[in-house]
Amino acid sequence: MVKGGGAPRRGQGELEAQVLVVLRRASGGRTAGWVQERLGGDLAYTTVITILTRLHAKGAVSRERVGRSFEWTAVADEAGLAALRMRKVLDAEADRDAVLASFVTGLSDHDERLLRDLLAQEPGEAED
C-alpha cells in the first residue's frame, strides 16, 4: 500500500518515457502545461518541468523559448532514451572495455546475433 493512501509513485524512468510518448504524438513543440494535461492524474507542474529539464539535459528533447516559457519537442523515442541511459552508465565507468565485455557476454543468443548484424552494417545503413 502507498503511504498516505495516494496513487502509487511512478519511477523517474517511467515518467520520462511517458513524457516522450506524449511529445512524440504531438505535432510540433508543446508547453509543459500541455504535457501535464495529457499525462493526467495529479502530477505536479513542477514535476513535469523537472522531467522535461532532465530529458533536455540527456538530449532526448529540445526546447525553444516562446514568450516566457518553453515549447518542448521530442528528439528521441523510448529506445533512444534507453540508449542515452546506457551511454551515461558506460561513460561513468573507468574501464569501458570491461563493462562492454561484461555486457556482451550477458546477451542472449538472439541479442548477440542482432548486435553482430548491426555492427556489420555499413555506416548510415538503416534496418527496415
Protein backbone atom coordinates (compact mmCIF):
# COMPACT_ATOMS: atom_id res chain seq x y z
CA MET A 1 0.00 0.00 0.00
CA VAL A 2 1.18 3.52 -0.77
CA LYS A 3 1.94 5.76 2.18
CA GLY A 4 -0.77 8.39 2.59
CA GLY A 5 -3.25 6.38 0.53
CA GLY A 6 -2.45 8.20 -2.74
CA ALA A 7 -1.68 6.80 -6.14
CA PRO A 8 1.48 4.69 -6.47
CA ARG A 9 4.59 6.69 -7.30
CA ARG A 10 6.00 6.31 -10.77
CA GLY A 11 9.73 5.95 -11.22
CA GLN A 12 11.75 8.64 -12.96
CA GLY A 13 12.40 6.41 -15.97
CA GLU A 14 8.71 5.64 -16.30
CA LEU A 15 7.78 9.33 -16.19
CA GLU A 16 10.46 10.17 -18.75
CA ALA A 17 9.12 7.52 -21.10
CA GLN A 18 5.54 8.76 -20.66
CA VAL A 19 6.57 12.36 -21.35
CA LEU A 20 8.40 11.27 -24.51
CA VAL A 21 5.36 9.34 -25.74
CA VAL A 22 3.13 12.39 -25.20
CA LEU A 23 5.57 14.70 -27.00
CA ARG A 24 6.14 12.30 -29.90
CA ARG A 25 2.38 12.18 -30.52
CA ALA A 26 2.23 15.98 -30.69
CA SER A 27 2.62 17.93 -33.89
CA GLY A 28 5.35 20.42 -33.06
CA GLY A 29 6.54 21.83 -29.77
CA ARG A 30 4.29 21.81 -26.71
CA THR A 31 4.36 23.56 -23.35
CA ALA A 32 4.88 21.84 -20.01
CA GLY A 33 1.26 22.63 -19.14
CA TRP A 34 0.07 20.84 -22.26
CA VAL A 35 2.22 17.82 -21.38
CA GLN A 36 0.86 17.87 -17.83
CA GLU A 37 -2.73 17.81 -19.10
CA ARG A 38 -2.03 14.88 -21.42
CA LEU A 39 -0.37 12.86 -18.66
CA GLY A 40 -3.46 13.22 -16.49
CA GLY A 41 -3.59 12.24 -12.87
CA ASP A 42 -2.33 14.51 -10.17
CA LEU A 43 1.18 15.08 -11.50
CA ALA A 44 2.51 18.45 -10.35
CA TYR A 45 3.53 21.04 -12.94
CA THR A 46 6.94 21.32 -11.26
CA THR A 47 7.43 17.57 -11.69
CA VAL A 48 6.71 17.86 -15.41
CA ILE A 49 9.21 20.74 -15.68
CA THR A 50 11.82 18.67 -13.82
CA ILE A 51 11.32 15.68 -16.13
CA LEU A 52 11.45 17.87 -19.26
CA THR A 53 14.63 19.55 -18.00
CA ARG A 54 16.25 16.17 -17.33
CA LEU A 55 15.24 14.92 -20.78
CA HIS A 56 16.70 18.09 -22.29
CA ALA A 57 19.99 17.54 -20.45
CA LYS A 58 20.07 13.98 -21.85
CA GLY A 59 19.44 15.22 -25.39
CA ALA A 60 16.08 13.45 -25.63
CA VAL A 61 14.04 16.67 -26.08
CA SER A 62 14.75 20.09 -27.49
CA ARG A 63 13.22 23.33 -26.30
CA GLU A 64 12.53 26.71 -27.81
CA ARG A 65 11.67 29.81 -25.85
CA VAL A 66 8.19 31.12 -26.68
CA GLY A 67 7.29 34.18 -24.63
CA ARG A 68 8.11 33.49 -21.00
CA SER A 69 8.09 29.71 -21.28
CA PHE A 70 9.45 26.93 -23.46
CA GLU A 71 7.93 24.67 -26.06
CA TRP A 72 9.37 21.18 -25.86
CA THR A 73 9.83 18.72 -28.74
CA ALA A 74 10.84 15.05 -28.54
CA VAL A 75 14.15 14.34 -30.27
CA ALA A 76 14.48 10.70 -29.14
CA ASP A 77 11.99 7.88 -28.73
CA GLU A 78 11.92 5.39 -25.84
CA ALA A 79 14.65 3.28 -27.47
CA GLY A 80 16.77 6.39 -27.92
CA LEU A 81 16.24 7.34 -24.29
CA ALA A 82 17.32 3.85 -23.18
CA ALA A 83 20.43 4.15 -25.37
CA LEU A 84 21.22 7.54 -23.78
CA ARG A 85 20.97 5.94 -20.33
CA MET A 86 23.25 3.09 -21.40
CA ARG A 87 25.85 5.55 -22.73
CA LYS A 88 25.67 7.54 -19.49
CA VAL A 89 26.37 4.42 -17.44
CA LEU A 90 29.22 3.44 -19.76
CA ASP A 91 30.71 6.94 -19.64
CA ALA A 92 30.71 6.84 -15.83
CA GLU A 93 32.93 3.75 -15.69
CA ALA A 94 36.71 3.87 -15.74
CA ASP A 95 37.15 0.51 -17.50
CA ARG A 96 34.91 0.77 -20.56
CA ASP A 97 36.39 -2.40 -22.08
CA ALA A 98 35.45 -4.48 -19.04
CA VAL A 99 31.94 -3.01 -18.91
CA LEU A 100 31.30 -3.66 -22.60
CA ALA A 101 32.77 -7.16 -22.40
CA SER A 102 30.59 -7.98 -19.40
CA PHE A 103 27.52 -6.58 -21.15
CA VAL A 104 28.10 -8.51 -24.37
CA THR A 105 28.81 -11.82 -22.61
CA GLY A 106 25.48 -11.46 -20.81
CA LEU A 107 23.44 -11.10 -24.00
CA SER A 108 21.05 -13.80 -25.15
CA ASP A 109 21.91 -15.63 -28.38
CA HIS A 110 19.24 -13.62 -30.21
CA ASP A 111 20.53 -10.28 -28.91
CA GLU A 112 24.12 -11.25 -29.71
CA ARG A 113 23.16 -12.07 -33.32
CA LEU A 114 21.28 -8.77 -33.56
CA LEU A 115 24.29 -6.86 -32.24
CA ARG A 116 26.61 -8.63 -34.69
CA ASP A 117 24.25 -7.80 -37.57
CA LEU A 118 24.09 -4.16 -36.51
CA LEU A 119 27.87 -3.91 -36.25
CA ALA A 120 28.26 -5.48 -39.71
CA GLN A 121 26.08 -2.84 -41.36
CA GLU A 122 27.70 -0.08 -43.35
CA PRO A 123 27.59 3.34 -41.65
CA GLY A 124 24.30 5.04 -42.41
CA GLU A 125 22.66 1.79 -43.50
CA ALA A 126 19.18 1.52 -41.97
CA GLU A 127 17.40 -1.64 -40.91
CA ASP A 128 13.82 -1.82 -42.24
